[in-house]
All heavy atoms as atom14 arrays in JSON, in Angstrom:
{
  "sequence": "TLFTERVLVVNQKAKLFEKKAEYTVFDQHGRRVGGVR",
  "atom14_mask": [
    [1, 1, 1, 1, 1, 1, 1, 0, 0, 0, 0, 0, 0, 0],
    [1, 1, 1, 1, 1, 1, 1, 1, 0, 0, 0, 0, 0, 0],
    [1, 1, 1, 1, 1, 1, 1, 1, 1, 1, 1, 0, 0, 0],
    [1, 1, 1, 1, 1, 1, 1, 0, 0, 0, 0, 0, 0, 0],
    [1, 1, 1, 1, 1, 1, 1, 1, 1, 0, 0, 0, 0, 0],
    [1, 1, 1, 1, 1, 1, 1, 1, 1, 1, 1, 0, 0, 0],
    [1, 1, 1, 1, 1, 1, 1, 0, 0, 0, 0, 0, 0, 0],
    [1, 1, 1, 1, 1, 1, 1, 1, 0, 0, 0, 0, 0, 0],
    [1, 1, 1, 1, 1, 1, 1, 0, 0, 0, 0, 0, 0, 0],
    [1, 1, 1, 1, 1, 1, 1, 0, 0, 0, 0, 0, 0, 0],
    [1, 1, 1, 1, 1, 1, 1, 1, 0, 0, 0, 0, 0, 0],
    [1, 1, 1, 1, 1, 1, 1, 1, 1, 0, 0, 0, 0, 0],
    [1, 1, 1, 1, 1, 1, 1, 1, 1, 0, 0, 0, 0, 0],
    [1, 1, 1, 1, 1, 0, 0, 0, 0, 0, 0, 0, 0, 0],
    [1, 1, 1, 1, 1, 1, 1, 1, 1, 0, 0, 0, 0, 0],
    [1, 1, 1, 1, 1, 1, 1, 1, 0, 0, 0, 0, 0, 0],
    [1, 1, 1, 1, 1, 1, 1, 1, 1, 1, 1, 0, 0, 0],
    [1, 1, 1, 1, 1, 1, 1, 1, 1, 0, 0, 0, 0, 0],
    [1, 1, 1, 1, 1, 1, 1, 1, 1, 0, 0, 0, 0, 0],
    [1, 1, 1, 1, 1, 1, 1, 1, 1, 0, 0, 0, 0, 0],
    [1, 1, 1, 1, 1, 0, 0, 0, 0, 0, 0, 0, 0, 0],
    [1, 1, 1, 1, 1, 1, 1, 1, 1, 0, 0, 0, 0, 0],
    [1, 1, 1, 1, 1, 1, 1, 1, 1, 1, 1, 1, 0, 0],
    [1, 1, 1, 1, 1, 1, 1, 0, 0, 0, 0, 0, 0, 0],
    [1, 1, 1, 1, 1, 1, 1, 0, 0, 0, 0, 0, 0, 0],
    [1, 1, 1, 1, 1, 1, 1, 1, 1, 1, 1, 0, 0, 0],
    [1, 1, 1, 1, 1, 1, 1, 1, 0, 0, 0, 0, 0, 0],
    [1, 1, 1, 1, 1, 1, 1, 1, 1, 0, 0, 0, 0, 0],
    [1, 1, 1, 1, 1, 1, 1, 1, 1, 1, 0, 0, 0, 0],
    [1, 1, 1, 1, 0, 0, 0, 0, 0, 0, 0, 0, 0, 0],
    [1, 1, 1, 1, 1, 1, 1, 1, 1, 1, 1, 0, 0, 0],
    [1, 1, 1, 1, 1, 1, 1, 1, 1, 1, 1, 0, 0, 0],
    [1, 1, 1, 1, 1, 1, 1, 0, 0, 0, 0, 0, 0, 0],
    [1, 1, 1, 1, 0, 0, 0, 0, 0, 0, 0, 0, 0, 0],
    [1, 1, 1, 1, 0, 0, 0, 0, 0, 0, 0, 0, 0, 0],
    [1, 1, 1, 1, 1, 1, 1, 0, 0, 0, 0, 0, 0, 0],
    [1, 1, 1, 1, 1, 1, 1, 1, 1, 1, 1, 0, 0, 0]
  ],
  "atom14_positions": [
    [[2.48, 2.42, 0.39], [1.88, 2.33, 1.72], [2.16, 0.96, 2.31], [2.61, 0.04, 1.62], [0.35, 2.55, 1.67], [-0.26, 1.43, 1.0], [0.0, 3.83, 0.93], [0.0, 0.0, 0.0], [0.0, 0.0, 0.0], [0.0, 0.0, 0.0], [0.0, 0.0, 0.0], [0.0, 0.0, 0.0], [0.0, 0.0, 0.0], [0.0, 0.0, 0.0]],
    [[1.87, 0.81, 3.6], [2.11, -0.45, 4.29], [1.47, -1.64, 3.61], [2.02, -2.74, 3.6], [1.59, -0.36, 5.72], [2.44, 0.36, 6.75], [1.66, 0.54, 8.04], [3.74, -0.4, 7.01], [0.0, 0.0, 0.0], [0.0, 0.0, 0.0], [0.0, 0.0, 0.0], [0.0, 0.0, 0.0], [0.0, 0.0, 0.0], [0.0, 0.0, 0.0]],
    [[0.29, -1.44, 3.05], [-0.48, -2.56, 2.52], [-0.49, -2.62, 0.99], [-1.28, -3.34, 0.4], [-1.91, -2.52, 3.07], [-1.96, -2.69, 4.56], [-2.0, -1.58, 5.4], [-1.93, -3.95, 5.13], [-2.02, -1.74, 6.78], [-1.95, -4.12, 6.5], [-1.99, -3.02, 7.33], [0.0, 0.0, 0.0], [0.0, 0.0, 0.0], [0.0, 0.0, 0.0]],
    [[0.41, -1.85, 0.36], [0.49, -1.9, -1.1], [1.9, -2.16, -1.58], [2.18, -2.06, -2.78], [-0.02, -0.58, -1.73], [0.77, 0.51, -1.25], [-1.48, -0.35, -1.41], [0.0, 0.0, 0.0], [0.0, 0.0, 0.0], [0.0, 0.0, 0.0], [0.0, 0.0, 0.0], [0.0, 0.0, 0.0], [0.0, 0.0, 0.0], [0.0, 0.0, 0.0]],
    [[2.81, -2.49, -0.67], [4.18, -2.83, -1.02], [4.4, -4.32, -0.86], [3.94, -4.93, 0.11], [5.17, -2.05, -0.14], [5.19, -0.56, -0.38], [5.78, -0.19, -1.73], [6.6, -0.97, -2.26], [5.44, 0.89, -2.26], [0.0, 0.0, 0.0], [0.0, 0.0, 0.0], [0.0, 0.0, 0.0], [0.0, 0.0, 0.0], [0.0, 0.0, 0.0]],
    [[5.14, -4.92, -1.77], [5.43, -6.34, -1.71], [6.65, -6.64, -0.84], [6.86, -7.77, -0.41], [5.65, -6.89, -3.12], [4.38, -6.89, -3.98], [3.61, -8.19, -3.86], [4.31, -9.28, -4.49], [4.24, -9.58, -5.79], [3.51, -8.84, -6.6], [4.91, -10.6, -6.27], [0.0, 0.0, 0.0], [0.0, 0.0, 0.0], [0.0, 0.0, 0.0]],
    [[7.48, -5.62, -0.59], [8.65, -5.77, 0.27], [8.6, -4.68, 1.34], [8.45, -3.5, 1.02], [9.97, -5.66, -0.52], [11.16, -5.66, 0.43], [10.09, -6.8, -1.52], [0.0, 0.0, 0.0], [0.0, 0.0, 0.0], [0.0, 0.0, 0.0], [0.0, 0.0, 0.0], [0.0, 0.0, 0.0], [0.0, 0.0, 0.0], [0.0, 0.0, 0.0]],
    [[8.72, -5.09, 2.61], [8.76, -4.16, 3.72], [9.99, -4.46, 4.57], [10.3, -5.62, 4.83], [7.5, -4.27, 4.59], [6.18, -3.87, 3.94], [5.02, -4.18, 4.89], [6.17, -2.38, 3.58], [0.0, 0.0, 0.0], [0.0, 0.0, 0.0], [0.0, 0.0, 0.0], [0.0, 0.0, 0.0], [0.0, 0.0, 0.0], [0.0, 0.0, 0.0]],
    [[10.68, -3.4, 5.0], [11.84, -3.55, 5.86], [11.49, -2.97, 7.22], [11.08, -1.82, 7.33], [13.07, -2.82, 5.27], [14.28, -3.0, 6.17], [13.36, -3.32, 3.87], [0.0, 0.0, 0.0], [0.0, 0.0, 0.0], [0.0, 0.0, 0.0], [0.0, 0.0, 0.0], [0.0, 0.0, 0.0], [0.0, 0.0, 0.0], [0.0, 0.0, 0.0]],
    [[11.64, -3.79, 8.26], [11.24, -3.41, 9.61], [12.5, -3.25, 10.45], [13.22, -4.22, 10.69], [10.33, -4.5, 10.24], [9.8, -4.03, 11.58], [9.2, -4.86, 9.29], [0.0, 0.0, 0.0], [0.0, 0.0, 0.0], [0.0, 0.0, 0.0], [0.0, 0.0, 0.0], [0.0, 0.0, 0.0], [0.0, 0.0, 0.0], [0.0, 0.0, 0.0]],
    [[12.78, -2.03, 10.88], [13.98, -1.75, 11.68], [13.58, -1.29, 13.07], [12.82, -0.31, 13.23], [14.83, -0.67, 11.01], [15.6, -1.21, 9.82], [15.54, -2.4, 9.51], [16.31, -0.34, 9.12], [0.0, 0.0, 0.0], [0.0, 0.0, 0.0], [0.0, 0.0, 0.0], [0.0, 0.0, 0.0], [0.0, 0.0, 0.0], [0.0, 0.0, 0.0]],
    [[14.08, -1.97, 14.07], [13.78, -1.62, 15.45], [14.7, -0.51, 15.92], [15.9, -0.52, 15.62], [13.92, -2.82, 16.37], [13.52, -2.53, 17.81], [13.55, -3.77, 18.68], [14.13, -4.77, 18.31], [12.92, -3.7, 19.83], [0.0, 0.0, 0.0], [0.0, 0.0, 0.0], [0.0, 0.0, 0.0], [0.0, 0.0, 0.0], [0.0, 0.0, 0.0]],
    [[14.15, 0.43, 16.66], [14.96, 1.49, 17.24], [15.84, 0.9, 18.32], [15.37, 0.24, 19.24], [14.06, 2.58, 17.83], [14.83, 3.78, 18.37], [13.87, 4.87, 18.85], [14.64, 6.07, 19.39], [13.73, 7.15, 19.86], [0.0, 0.0, 0.0], [0.0, 0.0, 0.0], [0.0, 0.0, 0.0], [0.0, 0.0, 0.0], [0.0, 0.0, 0.0]],
    [[17.14, 1.13, 18.23], [18.1, 0.54, 19.17], [17.98, 1.19, 20.54], [18.0, 2.41, 20.66], [19.51, 0.7, 18.63], [0.0, 0.0, 0.0], [0.0, 0.0, 0.0], [0.0, 0.0, 0.0], [0.0, 0.0, 0.0], [0.0, 0.0, 0.0], [0.0, 0.0, 0.0], [0.0, 0.0, 0.0], [0.0, 0.0, 0.0], [0.0, 0.0, 0.0]],
    [[17.83, 0.34, 21.57], [17.76, 0.82, 22.94], [18.56, -0.12, 23.83], [18.46, -1.33, 23.71], [16.3, 0.85, 23.43], [15.37, 1.72, 22.61], [13.95, 1.61, 23.12], [12.97, 2.4, 22.26], [11.58, 2.27, 22.74], [0.0, 0.0, 0.0], [0.0, 0.0, 0.0], [0.0, 0.0, 0.0], [0.0, 0.0, 0.0], [0.0, 0.0, 0.0]],
    [[19.37, 0.46, 24.72], [20.13, -0.38, 25.64], [19.19, -1.11, 26.59], [19.39, -2.27, 26.93], [21.12, 0.48, 26.43], [22.36, 0.94, 25.67], [23.17, 1.9, 26.53], [23.21, -0.24, 25.24], [0.0, 0.0, 0.0], [0.0, 0.0, 0.0], [0.0, 0.0, 0.0], [0.0, 0.0, 0.0], [0.0, 0.0, 0.0], [0.0, 0.0, 0.0]],
    [[18.15, -0.42, 27.05], [17.19, -1.02, 27.96], [15.8, -0.83, 27.37], [15.21, 0.24, 27.45], [17.27, -0.36, 29.36], [18.64, -0.44, 29.95], [19.49, 0.66, 29.91], [19.1, -1.61, 30.52], [20.76, 0.6, 30.46], [20.36, -1.69, 31.07], [21.21, -0.58, 31.03], [0.0, 0.0, 0.0], [0.0, 0.0, 0.0], [0.0, 0.0, 0.0]],
    [[15.3, -1.89, 26.76], [14.04, -1.79, 26.04], [12.87, -2.06, 26.98], [12.75, -3.13, 27.55], [14.01, -2.8, 24.9], [12.7, -2.82, 24.13], [12.66, -3.95, 23.15], [13.39, -3.9, 22.17], [11.89, -4.9, 23.39], [0.0, 0.0, 0.0], [0.0, 0.0, 0.0], [0.0, 0.0, 0.0], [0.0, 0.0, 0.0], [0.0, 0.0, 0.0]],
    [[12.01, -1.06, 27.15], [10.78, -1.25, 27.91], [9.58, -1.33, 26.97], [8.67, -2.12, 27.19], [10.61, -0.1, 28.91], [11.63, -0.12, 30.04], [11.35, 0.96, 31.06], [12.34, 0.9, 32.22], [12.08, 1.96, 33.23], [0.0, 0.0, 0.0], [0.0, 0.0, 0.0], [0.0, 0.0, 0.0], [0.0, 0.0, 0.0], [0.0, 0.0, 0.0]],
    [[9.59, -0.48, 25.94], [8.53, -0.52, 24.95], [9.15, -0.55, 23.56], [10.01, 0.27, 23.23], [7.6, 0.69, 25.09], [6.77, 0.66, 26.37], [5.73, 1.74, 26.39], [4.85, 1.62, 27.64], [3.79, 2.66, 27.67], [0.0, 0.0, 0.0], [0.0, 0.0, 0.0], [0.0, 0.0, 0.0], [0.0, 0.0, 0.0], [0.0, 0.0, 0.0]],
    [[8.71, -1.51, 22.75], [9.29, -1.69, 21.43], [8.85, -0.55, 20.5], [7.75, -0.02, 20.61], [8.86, -3.03, 20.85], [0.0, 0.0, 0.0], [0.0, 0.0, 0.0], [0.0, 0.0, 0.0], [0.0, 0.0, 0.0], [0.0, 0.0, 0.0], [0.0, 0.0, 0.0], [0.0, 0.0, 0.0], [0.0, 0.0, 0.0], [0.0, 0.0, 0.0]],
    [[9.74, -0.19, 19.59], [9.44, 0.85, 18.6], [10.15, 0.49, 17.3], [11.35, 0.21, 17.3], [9.91, 2.21, 19.12], [9.54, 3.37, 18.22], [9.98, 4.7, 18.79], [10.4, 4.74, 19.97], [9.92, 5.71, 18.05], [0.0, 0.0, 0.0], [0.0, 0.0, 0.0], [0.0, 0.0, 0.0], [0.0, 0.0, 0.0], [0.0, 0.0, 0.0]],
    [[9.39, 0.49, 16.19], [9.94, 0.1, 14.9], [9.58, 1.14, 13.85], [8.55, 1.81, 13.94], [9.36, -1.24, 14.44], [9.66, -2.42, 15.35], [8.92, -2.63, 16.5], [10.67, -3.33, 15.02], [9.18, -3.71, 17.33], [10.93, -4.41, 15.84], [10.2, -4.59, 17.0], [10.46, -5.66, 17.81], [0.0, 0.0, 0.0], [0.0, 0.0, 0.0]],
    [[10.44, 1.24, 12.84], [10.15, 2.03, 11.65], [10.09, 1.07, 10.47], [10.88, 0.14, 10.38], [11.23, 3.09, 11.4], [11.33, 3.94, 12.55], [10.87, 3.95, 10.19], [0.0, 0.0, 0.0], [0.0, 0.0, 0.0], [0.0, 0.0, 0.0], [0.0, 0.0, 0.0], [0.0, 0.0, 0.0], [0.0, 0.0, 0.0], [0.0, 0.0, 0.0]],
    [[9.13, 1.3, 9.56], [8.93, 0.41, 8.42], [9.19, 1.19, 7.13], [8.69, 2.3, 6.95], [7.5, -0.16, 8.4], [7.36, -1.2, 7.29], [7.16, -0.78, 9.75], [0.0, 0.0, 0.0], [0.0, 0.0, 0.0], [0.0, 0.0, 0.0], [0.0, 0.0, 0.0], [0.0, 0.0, 0.0], [0.0, 0.0, 0.0], [0.0, 0.0, 0.0]],
    [[10.0, 0.58, 6.24], [10.38, 1.2, 4.99], [9.93, 0.34, 3.82], [9.75, -0.88, 3.95], [11.91, 1.36, 4.91], [12.5, 2.18, 6.03], [12.9, 1.58, 7.21], [12.68, 3.55, 5.89], [13.45, 2.32, 8.24], [13.23, 4.3, 6.91], [13.62, 3.68, 8.1], [0.0, 0.0, 0.0], [0.0, 0.0, 0.0], [0.0, 0.0, 0.0]],
    [[9.81, 0.96, 2.64], [9.57, 0.18, 1.43], [10.91, -0.26, 0.84], [11.98, -0.01, 1.42], [8.74, 0.97, 0.42], [9.46, 2.2, -0.14], [10.68, 2.35, 0.08], [8.8, 3.01, -0.82], [0.0, 0.0, 0.0], [0.0, 0.0, 0.0], [0.0, 0.0, 0.0], [0.0, 0.0, 0.0], [0.0, 0.0, 0.0], [0.0, 0.0, 0.0]],
    [[10.89, -0.89, -0.32], [12.12, -1.43, -0.9], [13.09, -0.35, -1.36], [14.28, -0.63, -1.6], [11.79, -2.34, -2.09], [11.16, -1.61, -3.26], [11.02, -2.5, -4.48], [11.72, -3.5, -4.59], [10.12, -2.14, -5.38], [0.0, 0.0, 0.0], [0.0, 0.0, 0.0], [0.0, 0.0, 0.0], [0.0, 0.0, 0.0], [0.0, 0.0, 0.0]],
    [[12.61, 0.89, -1.46], [13.47, 2.0, -1.87], [14.03, 2.76, -0.67], [14.71, 3.76, -0.84], [12.7, 2.95, -2.78], [12.09, 2.28, -3.97], [12.85, 1.74, -4.99], [10.79, 2.01, -4.29], [12.06, 1.18, -5.9], [10.81, 1.34, -5.49], [0.0, 0.0, 0.0], [0.0, 0.0, 0.0], [0.0, 0.0, 0.0], [0.0, 0.0, 0.0]],
    [[13.7, 2.28, 0.54], [14.2, 2.94, 1.74], [13.37, 4.12, 2.18], [13.81, 4.92, 3.02], [0.0, 0.0, 0.0], [0.0, 0.0, 0.0], [0.0, 0.0, 0.0], [0.0, 0.0, 0.0], [0.0, 0.0, 0.0], [0.0, 0.0, 0.0], [0.0, 0.0, 0.0], [0.0, 0.0, 0.0], [0.0, 0.0, 0.0], [0.0, 0.0, 0.0]],
    [[12.15, 4.23, 1.67], [11.26, 5.32, 2.09], [10.35, 4.85, 3.22], [9.78, 3.76, 3.15], [10.43, 5.82, 0.9], [11.27, 6.5, -0.18], [10.38, 7.15, -1.22], [9.69, 6.17, -2.04], [10.06, 5.79, -3.25], [11.16, 6.31, -3.79], [9.37, 4.92, -3.93], [0.0, 0.0, 0.0], [0.0, 0.0, 0.0], [0.0, 0.0, 0.0]],
    [[10.2, 5.67, 4.22], [9.38, 5.32, 5.38], [7.91, 5.24, 4.99], [7.36, 6.17, 4.39], [9.56, 6.36, 6.48], [8.83, 6.02, 7.78], [9.08, 7.09, 8.83], [8.4, 6.78, 10.07], [7.13, 7.07, 10.33], [6.41, 7.71, 9.41], [6.57, 6.75, 11.48], [0.0, 0.0, 0.0], [0.0, 0.0, 0.0], [0.0, 0.0, 0.0]],
    [[7.27, 4.11, 5.32], [5.85, 3.94, 4.99], [5.01, 3.68, 6.24], [3.78, 3.58, 6.15], [5.64, 2.79, 3.98], [6.25, 3.14, 2.64], [6.2, 1.47, 4.51], [0.0, 0.0, 0.0], [0.0, 0.0, 0.0], [0.0, 0.0, 0.0], [0.0, 0.0, 0.0], [0.0, 0.0, 0.0], [0.0, 0.0, 0.0], [0.0, 0.0, 0.0]],
    [[5.64, 3.57, 7.4], [4.86, 3.34, 8.61], [5.75, 3.03, 9.8], [6.97, 3.24, 9.77], [0.0, 0.0, 0.0], [0.0, 0.0, 0.0], [0.0, 0.0, 0.0], [0.0, 0.0, 0.0], [0.0, 0.0, 0.0], [0.0, 0.0, 0.0], [0.0, 0.0, 0.0], [0.0, 0.0, 0.0], [0.0, 0.0, 0.0], [0.0, 0.0, 0.0]],
    [[5.12, 2.52, 10.84], [5.86, 2.19, 12.04], [5.03, 1.34, 12.98], [3.85, 1.05, 12.72], [0.0, 0.0, 0.0], [0.0, 0.0, 0.0], [0.0, 0.0, 0.0], [0.0, 0.0, 0.0], [0.0, 0.0, 0.0], [0.0, 0.0, 0.0], [0.0, 0.0, 0.0], [0.0, 0.0, 0.0], [0.0, 0.0, 0.0], [0.0, 0.0, 0.0]],
    [[5.65, 0.93, 14.06], [4.99, 0.14, 15.1], [5.37, 0.73, 16.44], [6.55, 1.05, 16.68], [5.43, -1.34, 15.05], [4.68, -2.15, 16.11], [5.2, -1.93, 13.67], [0.0, 0.0, 0.0], [0.0, 0.0, 0.0], [0.0, 0.0, 0.0], [0.0, 0.0, 0.0], [0.0, 0.0, 0.0], [0.0, 0.0, 0.0], [0.0, 0.0, 0.0]],
    [[4.4, 0.89, 17.33], [4.69, 1.4, 18.65], [3.9, 0.63, 19.7], [2.73, 0.32, 19.51], [4.36, 2.89, 18.72], [2.91, 3.25, 18.41], [2.74, 4.73, 18.15], [1.35, 5.1, 17.9], [0.97, 6.21, 17.27], [1.88, 7.06, 16.83], [-0.31, 6.48, 17.11], [0.0, 0.0, 0.0], [0.0, 0.0, 0.0], [0.0, 0.0, 0.0]]
  ]
}
């Protein structure tokens, strides 16, 4: 989970014209554990 992993990878969704930020968060194994909107 977001708060039980020691390594988190935060990848922003690519947008040519960014109005609202959107991110996906993965653990060290590349599994999705959360996001930011």
